[in-house]
Amino acid sequence: CYGDGGMCFTDDDALIERLRSHRIHGMGPDRYDNVRLGITGRLDSLQAAILQAKFDIFPEEVDLRDNVAAIYAELLADVEGLTAPYVPEGYRSVWAQYCPLAKDSEHRERIQKALGEKNIPSPIYSPIPLHLQTAFNDLGYKTGDCPISEDAASRIFAIPMHPYLEREQQEFIADIIRNA
């Protein structure tokens, strides 16, 4: 929708019940008894109306996002040291973000600086791997325990992604990355 919020799709009745419970604080059959950790995941009326309208164009927007991702993959394939996002065979992404991996943290910094000079956002959505987040301190993980995750966190960044991104805009972004 516009801002936070979204939809979950399933044909699994048990999963639907768990998702509903999670959405409302972990509520169980008794509405005042939370049987699991949950969130306050309800949408306001405006967000719900936007989602309802977007639901009709969802399949088309997923196809458009697939196309944007394919164009990025094509345009960035020759950037030395850059690794494009990958979706395994038999799966599909809705491409909420497009997050390549730079060669190393210095390469990422150069790319982000070059994109920033042209006012192109390149946020880092996951700068701290989950195992090093405060919420998981009681698990006892330390730096070095999950080296692949830590490496990815030091190299990942996002570039603009939405279903209506034009090829010309993507070429502009790719050229900046290539020359960073």
N, C-alpha and C. Protein backbone atom coordinates (compact mmCIF):
# COMPACT_ATOMS: atom_id res chain seq x y z
N CYS A 1 0.86 -1.18 0.00
CA CYS A 1 0.00 0.00 0.00
C CYS A 1 0.90 1.24 0.00
N TYR A 2 0.47 2.32 0.53
CA TYR A 2 1.30 3.53 0.61
C TYR A 2 1.79 3.65 2.04
N GLY A 3 3.04 3.33 2.25
CA GLY A 3 3.60 3.31 3.59
C GLY A 3 3.70 1.89 4.08
N ASP A 4 3.47 1.69 5.37
CA ASP A 4 3.56 0.35 5.93
C ASP A 4 2.25 -0.38 5.71
N GLY A 5 2.36 -1.67 5.58
CA GLY A 5 1.18 -2.50 5.41
C GLY A 5 1.36 -3.39 4.21
N GLY A 6 0.53 -4.37 4.11
CA GLY A 6 0.60 -5.29 3.00
C GLY A 6 -0.41 -6.40 3.16
N MET A 7 -0.31 -7.38 2.27
CA MET A 7 -1.21 -8.52 2.27
C MET A 7 -0.41 -9.80 2.36
N CYS A 8 -1.03 -10.81 2.94
CA CYS A 8 -0.48 -12.16 2.94
C CYS A 8 -1.44 -13.04 2.16
N PHE A 9 -0.91 -13.93 1.36
CA PHE A 9 -1.73 -14.82 0.56
C PHE A 9 -1.44 -16.26 0.94
N THR A 10 -2.48 -17.02 1.21
CA THR A 10 -2.31 -18.46 1.49
C THR A 10 -3.65 -19.16 1.31
N ASP A 11 -3.57 -20.45 1.04
CA ASP A 11 -4.77 -21.28 1.02
C ASP A 11 -4.73 -22.28 2.17
N ASP A 12 -3.89 -22.02 3.16
CA ASP A 12 -3.70 -22.88 4.31
C ASP A 12 -4.46 -22.29 5.50
N ASP A 13 -5.56 -22.94 5.89
CA ASP A 13 -6.41 -22.41 6.97
C ASP A 13 -5.67 -22.27 8.29
N ALA A 14 -4.79 -23.22 8.61
CA ALA A 14 -4.04 -23.13 9.87
C ALA A 14 -3.10 -21.93 9.84
N LEU A 15 -2.47 -21.68 8.70
CA LEU A 15 -1.58 -20.54 8.57
C LEU A 15 -2.37 -19.23 8.68
N ILE A 16 -3.55 -19.20 8.10
CA ILE A 16 -4.39 -18.00 8.20
C ILE A 16 -4.66 -17.67 9.67
N GLU A 17 -5.00 -18.68 10.45
CA GLU A 17 -5.28 -18.44 11.87
C GLU A 17 -4.05 -17.94 12.61
N ARG A 18 -2.87 -18.51 12.32
CA ARG A 18 -1.63 -18.04 12.97
C ARG A 18 -1.33 -16.60 12.57
N LEU A 19 -1.52 -16.28 11.28
CA LEU A 19 -1.27 -14.91 10.81
C LEU A 19 -2.22 -13.91 11.48
N ARG A 20 -3.48 -14.28 11.59
CA ARG A 20 -4.46 -13.40 12.25
C ARG A 20 -4.08 -13.19 13.71
N SER A 21 -3.67 -14.26 14.36
CA SER A 21 -3.25 -14.17 15.77
C SER A 21 -2.04 -13.24 15.88
N HIS A 22 -1.06 -13.45 15.05
CA HIS A 22 0.16 -12.63 15.08
C HIS A 22 -0.17 -11.16 14.84
N ARG A 23 -1.11 -10.90 13.95
CA ARG A 23 -1.49 -9.52 13.59
C ARG A 23 -2.11 -8.78 14.77
N ILE A 24 -2.76 -9.51 15.67
CA ILE A 24 -3.47 -8.87 16.79
C ILE A 24 -2.82 -9.30 18.11
N HIS A 25 -1.58 -8.90 18.29
CA HIS A 25 -0.84 -9.09 19.55
C HIS A 25 -0.57 -10.54 19.91
N GLY A 26 -0.88 -11.50 19.07
CA GLY A 26 -0.73 -12.92 19.41
C GLY A 26 -1.98 -13.49 20.04
N MET A 27 -3.11 -12.84 19.79
CA MET A 27 -4.39 -13.22 20.39
C MET A 27 -4.74 -14.68 20.10
N GLY A 28 -5.24 -15.35 21.15
CA GLY A 28 -5.73 -16.72 21.02
C GLY A 28 -7.25 -16.74 20.89
N PRO A 29 -7.85 -17.92 21.10
CA PRO A 29 -9.32 -18.02 21.01
C PRO A 29 -10.04 -17.07 21.95
N ASP A 30 -9.47 -16.83 23.13
CA ASP A 30 -9.98 -15.82 24.05
C ASP A 30 -9.26 -14.52 23.69
N ARG A 31 -9.99 -13.53 23.27
CA ARG A 31 -9.38 -12.31 22.75
C ARG A 31 -8.46 -11.60 23.74
N TYR A 32 -8.56 -11.92 25.03
CA TYR A 32 -7.71 -11.28 26.02
C TYR A 32 -6.53 -12.17 26.45
N ASP A 33 -6.36 -13.31 25.77
CA ASP A 33 -5.27 -14.22 26.09
C ASP A 33 -4.36 -14.33 24.86
N ASN A 34 -3.17 -13.73 24.96
CA ASN A 34 -2.21 -13.80 23.86
C ASN A 34 -1.42 -15.09 23.98
N VAL A 35 -1.53 -15.94 22.96
CA VAL A 35 -0.90 -17.26 22.99
C VAL A 35 0.46 -17.29 22.33
N ARG A 36 0.86 -16.20 21.71
CA ARG A 36 2.17 -16.10 21.05
C ARG A 36 2.56 -14.64 21.01
N LEU A 37 3.82 -14.37 20.71
CA LEU A 37 4.24 -13.00 20.49
C LEU A 37 3.59 -12.50 19.21
N GLY A 38 3.13 -11.29 19.23
CA GLY A 38 2.48 -10.73 18.06
C GLY A 38 2.80 -9.27 17.89
N ILE A 39 2.11 -8.65 16.98
CA ILE A 39 2.31 -7.24 16.67
C ILE A 39 0.95 -6.55 16.63
N THR A 40 0.97 -5.25 16.50
CA THR A 40 -0.24 -4.51 16.21
C THR A 40 -0.20 -4.27 14.71
N GLY A 41 -0.76 -5.19 13.96
CA GLY A 41 -0.63 -5.15 12.52
C GLY A 41 -1.90 -4.81 11.79
N ARG A 42 -2.74 -4.05 12.40
CA ARG A 42 -3.99 -3.67 11.74
C ARG A 42 -3.74 -2.45 10.85
N LEU A 43 -4.50 -2.35 9.79
CA LEU A 43 -4.40 -1.21 8.88
C LEU A 43 -5.50 -0.19 9.20
N ASP A 44 -5.17 1.08 9.00
CA ASP A 44 -6.23 2.07 9.10
C ASP A 44 -7.09 1.98 7.83
N SER A 45 -8.22 2.64 7.84
CA SER A 45 -9.18 2.53 6.73
C SER A 45 -8.61 3.00 5.40
N LEU A 46 -7.81 4.07 5.43
CA LEU A 46 -7.23 4.58 4.20
C LEU A 46 -6.27 3.56 3.58
N GLN A 47 -5.37 2.99 4.41
CA GLN A 47 -4.43 1.99 3.90
C GLN A 47 -5.19 0.76 3.38
N ALA A 48 -6.23 0.35 4.08
CA ALA A 48 -7.02 -0.79 3.63
C ALA A 48 -7.69 -0.51 2.29
N ALA A 49 -8.19 0.70 2.10
CA ALA A 49 -8.82 1.06 0.82
C ALA A 49 -7.79 1.05 -0.31
N ILE A 50 -6.59 1.56 -0.03
CA ILE A 50 -5.53 1.56 -1.04
C ILE A 50 -5.16 0.13 -1.40
N LEU A 51 -5.01 -0.72 -0.39
CA LEU A 51 -4.68 -2.12 -0.68
C LEU A 51 -5.77 -2.80 -1.48
N GLN A 52 -7.01 -2.52 -1.15
CA GLN A 52 -8.12 -3.13 -1.89
C GLN A 52 -8.05 -2.74 -3.37
N ALA A 53 -7.77 -1.47 -3.64
CA ALA A 53 -7.66 -1.02 -5.03
C ALA A 53 -6.44 -1.63 -5.71
N LYS A 54 -5.32 -1.71 -5.00
CA LYS A 54 -4.09 -2.26 -5.58
C LYS A 54 -4.20 -3.77 -5.80
N PHE A 55 -5.04 -4.43 -5.03
CA PHE A 55 -5.19 -5.87 -5.16
C PHE A 55 -5.58 -6.25 -6.59
N ASP A 56 -6.38 -5.41 -7.22
CA ASP A 56 -6.82 -5.69 -8.59
C ASP A 56 -5.67 -5.65 -9.59
N ILE A 57 -4.65 -4.84 -9.32
CA ILE A 57 -3.52 -4.73 -10.26
C ILE A 57 -2.28 -5.47 -9.77
N PHE A 58 -2.42 -6.21 -8.66
CA PHE A 58 -1.27 -6.90 -8.07
C PHE A 58 -0.54 -7.81 -9.07
N PRO A 59 -1.22 -8.70 -9.77
CA PRO A 59 -0.48 -9.58 -10.70
C PRO A 59 0.29 -8.79 -11.76
N GLU A 60 -0.32 -7.73 -12.28
CA GLU A 60 0.36 -6.91 -13.28
C GLU A 60 1.58 -6.21 -12.68
N GLU A 61 1.44 -5.70 -11.46
CA GLU A 61 2.56 -5.01 -10.83
C GLU A 61 3.71 -5.97 -10.52
N VAL A 62 3.40 -7.21 -10.16
CA VAL A 62 4.46 -8.20 -9.94
C VAL A 62 5.20 -8.46 -11.25
N ASP A 63 4.46 -8.59 -12.34
CA ASP A 63 5.11 -8.79 -13.65
C ASP A 63 5.99 -7.58 -14.01
N LEU A 64 5.48 -6.38 -13.76
CA LEU A 64 6.27 -5.18 -14.05
C LEU A 64 7.53 -5.13 -13.19
N ARG A 65 7.42 -5.50 -11.93
CA ARG A 65 8.58 -5.52 -11.04
C ARG A 65 9.60 -6.57 -11.51
N ASP A 66 9.10 -7.72 -11.95
CA ASP A 66 10.00 -8.75 -12.52
C ASP A 66 10.78 -8.18 -13.70
N ASN A 67 10.10 -7.42 -14.52
CA ASN A 67 10.75 -6.81 -15.69
C ASN A 67 11.81 -5.80 -15.26
N VAL A 68 11.50 -4.97 -14.27
CA VAL A 68 12.46 -4.00 -13.77
C VAL A 68 13.69 -4.73 -13.22
N ALA A 69 13.46 -5.79 -12.46
CA ALA A 69 14.58 -6.56 -11.89
C ALA A 69 15.42 -7.19 -13.01
N ALA A 70 14.77 -7.71 -14.04
CA ALA A 70 15.51 -8.32 -15.15
C ALA A 70 16.36 -7.28 -15.88
N ILE A 71 15.82 -6.08 -16.04
CA ILE A 71 16.58 -5.02 -16.70
C ILE A 71 17.79 -4.62 -15.84
N TYR A 72 17.59 -4.47 -14.54
CA TYR A 72 18.71 -4.19 -13.66
C TYR A 72 19.78 -5.27 -13.79
N ALA A 73 19.36 -6.53 -13.75
CA ALA A 73 20.32 -7.64 -13.85
C ALA A 73 21.12 -7.54 -15.14
N GLU A 74 20.44 -7.23 -16.23
CA GLU A 74 21.11 -7.06 -17.53
C GLU A 74 22.09 -5.89 -17.51
N LEU A 75 21.64 -4.75 -17.00
CA LEU A 75 22.46 -3.54 -17.03
C LEU A 75 23.64 -3.59 -16.07
N LEU A 76 23.50 -4.35 -15.00
CA LEU A 76 24.56 -4.38 -13.99
C LEU A 76 25.46 -5.61 -14.10
N ALA A 77 25.17 -6.48 -15.07
CA ALA A 77 25.92 -7.74 -15.20
C ALA A 77 27.41 -7.52 -15.41
N ASP A 78 27.78 -6.42 -16.04
CA ASP A 78 29.20 -6.20 -16.35
C ASP A 78 29.92 -5.34 -15.31
N VAL A 79 29.27 -5.04 -14.19
CA VAL A 79 29.91 -4.24 -13.15
C VAL A 79 30.78 -5.17 -12.31
N GLU A 80 32.08 -4.98 -12.41
CA GLU A 80 33.02 -5.87 -11.71
C GLU A 80 32.79 -5.83 -10.21
N GLY A 81 32.67 -7.01 -9.63
CA GLY A 81 32.53 -7.14 -8.19
C GLY A 81 31.12 -6.98 -7.67
N LEU A 82 30.16 -6.62 -8.52
CA LEU A 82 28.79 -6.42 -8.07
C LEU A 82 28.01 -7.72 -8.26
N THR A 83 27.28 -8.13 -7.23
CA THR A 83 26.46 -9.34 -7.29
C THR A 83 25.00 -8.94 -7.27
N ALA A 84 24.28 -9.32 -8.31
CA ALA A 84 22.85 -8.99 -8.40
C ALA A 84 22.03 -9.92 -7.51
N PRO A 85 20.86 -9.47 -7.06
CA PRO A 85 19.97 -10.36 -6.32
C PRO A 85 19.60 -11.57 -7.18
N TYR A 86 19.30 -12.65 -6.51
CA TYR A 86 19.05 -13.91 -7.19
C TYR A 86 17.81 -14.57 -6.61
N VAL A 87 16.94 -15.07 -7.48
CA VAL A 87 15.76 -15.80 -7.04
C VAL A 87 15.92 -17.24 -7.52
N PRO A 88 15.92 -18.20 -6.60
CA PRO A 88 16.11 -19.60 -6.99
C PRO A 88 15.01 -20.09 -7.94
N GLU A 89 15.37 -21.05 -8.75
CA GLU A 89 14.43 -21.69 -9.67
C GLU A 89 13.21 -22.18 -8.90
N GLY A 90 12.03 -21.94 -9.44
CA GLY A 90 10.81 -22.40 -8.81
C GLY A 90 10.21 -21.43 -7.81
N TYR A 91 10.87 -20.29 -7.60
CA TYR A 91 10.38 -19.27 -6.68
C TYR A 91 10.15 -17.97 -7.45
N ARG A 92 9.45 -17.04 -6.81
CA ARG A 92 9.20 -15.76 -7.44
C ARG A 92 9.31 -14.67 -6.37
N SER A 93 9.86 -13.55 -6.74
CA SER A 93 9.95 -12.42 -5.83
C SER A 93 8.98 -11.34 -6.28
N VAL A 94 8.47 -10.57 -5.33
CA VAL A 94 7.67 -9.40 -5.68
C VAL A 94 8.54 -8.15 -5.67
N TRP A 95 9.84 -8.33 -5.40
CA TRP A 95 10.84 -7.26 -5.51
C TRP A 95 10.43 -6.01 -4.74
N ALA A 96 10.20 -6.19 -3.44
CA ALA A 96 9.93 -5.03 -2.59
C ALA A 96 11.12 -4.08 -2.62
N GLN A 97 12.31 -4.64 -2.69
CA GLN A 97 13.54 -3.87 -2.87
C GLN A 97 14.41 -4.59 -3.90
N TYR A 98 15.35 -3.86 -4.46
CA TYR A 98 16.38 -4.46 -5.33
C TYR A 98 17.71 -4.14 -4.67
N CYS A 99 18.33 -5.16 -4.10
CA CYS A 99 19.52 -4.96 -3.26
C CYS A 99 20.70 -5.77 -3.77
N PRO A 100 21.56 -5.14 -4.58
CA PRO A 100 22.79 -5.83 -4.98
C PRO A 100 23.82 -5.82 -3.85
N LEU A 101 24.86 -6.62 -4.04
CA LEU A 101 26.00 -6.64 -3.12
C LEU A 101 27.19 -6.04 -3.84
N ALA A 102 27.81 -5.05 -3.22
CA ALA A 102 29.04 -4.47 -3.75
C ALA A 102 30.20 -5.42 -3.47
N LYS A 103 31.34 -5.16 -4.10
CA LYS A 103 32.53 -6.00 -3.93
C LYS A 103 32.96 -6.03 -2.46
N ASP A 104 32.94 -4.88 -1.82
CA ASP A 104 33.30 -4.76 -0.41
C ASP A 104 32.68 -3.47 0.12
N SER A 105 32.90 -3.17 1.40
CA SER A 105 32.26 -2.00 1.99
C SER A 105 32.74 -0.70 1.37
N GLU A 106 34.01 -0.65 0.96
CA GLU A 106 34.53 0.57 0.32
C GLU A 106 33.86 0.79 -1.04
N HIS A 107 33.67 -0.30 -1.78
CA HIS A 107 32.98 -0.21 -3.07
C HIS A 107 31.54 0.29 -2.85
N ARG A 108 30.87 -0.24 -1.82
CA ARG A 108 29.52 0.20 -1.51
C ARG A 108 29.51 1.69 -1.19
N GLU A 109 30.46 2.15 -0.41
CA GLU A 109 30.53 3.57 -0.05
C GLU A 109 30.71 4.44 -1.29
N ARG A 110 31.55 4.01 -2.22
CA ARG A 110 31.76 4.77 -3.47
C ARG A 110 30.47 4.82 -4.29
N ILE A 111 29.80 3.69 -4.39
CA ILE A 111 28.54 3.64 -5.14
C ILE A 111 27.51 4.56 -4.49
N GLN A 112 27.35 4.45 -3.18
CA GLN A 112 26.36 5.27 -2.50
C GLN A 112 26.67 6.76 -2.61
N LYS A 113 27.94 7.11 -2.54
CA LYS A 113 28.33 8.51 -2.68
C LYS A 113 27.98 9.01 -4.08
N ALA A 114 28.31 8.23 -5.11
CA ALA A 114 28.02 8.63 -6.49
C ALA A 114 26.52 8.74 -6.73
N LEU A 115 25.75 7.79 -6.22
CA LEU A 115 24.30 7.87 -6.38
C LEU A 115 23.74 9.07 -5.62
N GLY A 116 24.24 9.31 -4.42
CA GLY A 116 23.78 10.43 -3.61
C GLY A 116 24.03 11.77 -4.27
N GLU A 117 25.14 11.88 -4.99
CA GLU A 117 25.45 13.14 -5.69
C GLU A 117 24.42 13.43 -6.79
N LYS A 118 23.71 12.41 -7.23
CA LYS A 118 22.64 12.59 -8.23
C LYS A 118 21.26 12.46 -7.59
N ASN A 119 21.22 12.56 -6.26
CA ASN A 119 19.97 12.47 -5.49
C ASN A 119 19.20 11.17 -5.72
N ILE A 120 19.93 10.09 -5.90
CA ILE A 120 19.33 8.77 -6.06
C ILE A 120 19.52 8.02 -4.75
N PRO A 121 18.43 7.62 -4.11
CA PRO A 121 18.56 6.93 -2.83
C PRO A 121 19.20 5.54 -2.99
N SER A 122 19.99 5.18 -1.97
CA SER A 122 20.60 3.84 -1.95
C SER A 122 20.72 3.40 -0.50
N PRO A 123 19.58 3.24 0.17
CA PRO A 123 19.60 2.90 1.59
C PRO A 123 20.17 1.51 1.86
N ILE A 124 20.60 1.33 3.08
CA ILE A 124 21.02 0.02 3.56
C ILE A 124 19.94 -0.41 4.55
N TYR A 125 19.12 -1.35 4.15
CA TYR A 125 18.00 -1.76 5.00
C TYR A 125 18.41 -2.69 6.13
N SER A 126 19.49 -3.41 5.98
CA SER A 126 19.90 -4.38 7.00
C SER A 126 21.37 -4.23 7.33
N PRO A 127 21.75 -3.12 7.97
CA PRO A 127 23.18 -2.91 8.24
C PRO A 127 23.73 -3.82 9.35
N ILE A 128 22.84 -4.32 10.20
CA ILE A 128 23.26 -5.20 11.29
C ILE A 128 22.59 -6.55 11.09
N PRO A 129 23.38 -7.61 10.94
CA PRO A 129 22.77 -8.94 10.78
C PRO A 129 21.89 -9.29 11.98
N LEU A 130 20.86 -10.08 11.74
CA LEU A 130 19.90 -10.40 12.80
C LEU A 130 20.57 -11.00 14.04
N HIS A 131 21.55 -11.87 13.86
CA HIS A 131 22.15 -12.53 15.02
C HIS A 131 22.93 -11.56 15.91
N LEU A 132 23.21 -10.36 15.40
CA LEU A 132 23.92 -9.35 16.19
C LEU A 132 22.99 -8.25 16.71
N GLN A 133 21.70 -8.37 16.46
CA GLN A 133 20.73 -7.39 16.93
C GLN A 133 20.48 -7.57 18.42
N THR A 134 20.24 -6.49 19.09
CA THR A 134 20.01 -6.49 20.54
C THR A 134 18.91 -7.47 20.93
N ALA A 135 17.87 -7.57 20.13
CA ALA A 135 16.75 -8.46 20.46
C ALA A 135 17.17 -9.91 20.62
N PHE A 136 18.30 -10.28 20.03
CA PHE A 136 18.76 -11.66 20.06
C PHE A 136 20.00 -11.85 20.94
N ASN A 137 20.33 -10.86 21.77
CA ASN A 137 21.49 -10.96 22.65
C ASN A 137 21.48 -12.23 23.50
N ASP A 138 20.29 -12.63 23.95
CA ASP A 138 20.22 -13.79 24.84
C ASP A 138 20.60 -15.10 24.14
N LEU A 139 20.72 -15.09 22.82
CA LEU A 139 21.15 -16.28 22.10
C LEU A 139 22.67 -16.45 22.12
N GLY A 140 23.37 -15.39 22.50
CA GLY A 140 24.81 -15.48 22.69
C GLY A 140 25.67 -15.41 21.44
N TYR A 141 25.10 -14.99 20.34
CA TYR A 141 25.90 -14.87 19.12
C TYR A 141 26.87 -13.70 19.23
N LYS A 142 27.98 -13.82 18.53
CA LYS A 142 28.96 -12.74 18.49
C LYS A 142 29.46 -12.58 17.06
N THR A 143 30.14 -11.49 16.81
CA THR A 143 30.70 -11.24 15.49
C THR A 143 31.58 -12.43 15.10
N GLY A 144 31.38 -12.90 13.89
CA GLY A 144 32.13 -14.05 13.39
C GLY A 144 31.33 -15.34 13.40
N ASP A 145 30.20 -15.38 14.12
CA ASP A 145 29.41 -16.61 14.19
C ASP A 145 28.64 -16.90 12.91
N CYS A 146 28.28 -15.88 12.18
CA CYS A 146 27.54 -16.04 10.91
C CYS A 146 28.25 -15.20 9.84
N PRO A 147 29.40 -15.66 9.37
CA PRO A 147 30.23 -14.83 8.49
C PRO A 147 29.58 -14.46 7.16
N ILE A 148 28.75 -15.32 6.62
CA ILE A 148 28.11 -14.99 5.34
C ILE A 148 27.13 -13.84 5.53
N SER A 149 26.34 -13.91 6.59
CA SER A 149 25.38 -12.85 6.90
C SER A 149 26.11 -11.54 7.18
N GLU A 150 27.19 -11.61 7.93
CA GLU A 150 27.95 -10.41 8.26
C GLU A 150 28.58 -9.80 7.02
N ASP A 151 29.09 -10.64 6.13
CA ASP A 151 29.67 -10.15 4.88
C ASP A 151 28.60 -9.45 4.03
N ALA A 152 27.44 -10.09 3.91
CA ALA A 152 26.36 -9.48 3.12
C ALA A 152 25.95 -8.14 3.71
N ALA A 153 25.84 -8.05 5.02
CA ALA A 153 25.45 -6.79 5.66
C ALA A 153 26.45 -5.68 5.39
N SER A 154 27.71 -6.02 5.20
CA SER A 154 28.74 -5.00 4.96
C SER A 154 28.78 -4.56 3.50
N ARG A 155 28.09 -5.28 2.61
CA ARG A 155 28.16 -4.97 1.18
C ARG A 155 26.82 -4.61 0.53
N ILE A 156 25.72 -4.90 1.20
CA ILE A 156 24.40 -4.73 0.59
C ILE A 156 23.97 -3.27 0.57
N PHE A 157 23.22 -2.90 -0.45
CA PHE A 157 22.59 -1.59 -0.54
C PHE A 157 21.40 -1.74 -1.48
N ALA A 158 20.48 -0.81 -1.43
CA ALA A 158 19.30 -0.87 -2.29
C ALA A 158 19.36 0.25 -3.33
N ILE A 159 18.73 -0.01 -4.46
CA ILE A 159 18.57 1.02 -5.48
C ILE A 159 17.08 1.13 -5.80
N PRO A 160 16.66 2.22 -6.40
CA PRO A 160 15.23 2.41 -6.65
C PRO A 160 14.57 1.22 -7.33
N MET A 161 13.41 0.84 -6.82
CA MET A 161 12.66 -0.28 -7.36
C MET A 161 11.17 0.00 -7.21
N HIS A 162 10.50 0.05 -8.31
CA HIS A 162 9.04 0.11 -8.31
C HIS A 162 8.56 -0.33 -9.69
N PRO A 163 7.31 -0.69 -9.83
CA PRO A 163 6.85 -1.28 -11.09
C PRO A 163 6.86 -0.32 -12.29
N TYR A 164 6.95 0.96 -12.02
CA TYR A 164 6.86 1.92 -13.12
C TYR A 164 8.19 2.61 -13.42
N LEU A 165 9.28 2.01 -12.97
CA LEU A 165 10.62 2.54 -13.23
C LEU A 165 10.94 2.32 -14.72
N GLU A 166 11.27 3.39 -15.40
CA GLU A 166 11.55 3.33 -16.83
C GLU A 166 12.97 2.84 -17.09
N ARG A 167 13.16 2.17 -18.22
CA ARG A 167 14.48 1.66 -18.59
C ARG A 167 15.52 2.79 -18.62
N GLU A 168 15.14 3.94 -19.13
CA GLU A 168 16.07 5.08 -19.19
C GLU A 168 16.56 5.46 -17.80
N GLN A 169 15.67 5.44 -16.81
CA GLN A 169 16.05 5.73 -15.44
C GLN A 169 17.01 4.66 -14.91
N GLN A 170 16.72 3.42 -15.24
CA GLN A 170 17.58 2.32 -14.80
C GLN A 170 18.97 2.41 -15.46
N GLU A 171 19.01 2.80 -16.71
CA GLU A 171 20.29 2.96 -17.40
C GLU A 171 21.12 4.05 -16.72
N PHE A 172 20.46 5.14 -16.33
CA PHE A 172 21.13 6.23 -15.63
C PHE A 172 21.73 5.74 -14.32
N ILE A 173 20.94 4.99 -13.55
CA ILE A 173 21.39 4.44 -12.27
C ILE A 173 22.55 3.46 -12.50
N ALA A 174 22.39 2.58 -13.47
CA ALA A 174 23.44 1.59 -13.75
C ALA A 174 24.74 2.25 -14.18
N ASP A 175 24.66 3.30 -14.96
CA ASP A 175 25.88 4.02 -15.38
C ASP A 175 26.60 4.63 -14.19
N ILE A 176 25.86 5.18 -13.26
CA ILE A 176 26.48 5.76 -12.06
C ILE A 176 27.18 4.65 -11.28
N ILE A 177 26.51 3.51 -11.09
CA ILE A 177 27.12 2.40 -10.35
C ILE A 177 28.36 1.89 -11.06
N ARG A 178 28.27 1.73 -12.37
CA ARG A 178 29.39 1.23 -13.16
C ARG A 178 30.62 2.13 -13.03
N ASN A 179 30.40 3.42 -12.94
CA ASN A 179 31.51 4.38 -12.92
C ASN A 179 31.94 4.80 -11.52
N ALA A 180 31.33 4.21 -10.50
CA ALA A 180 31.67 4.58 -9.12
C ALA A 180 33.01 3.97 -8.70
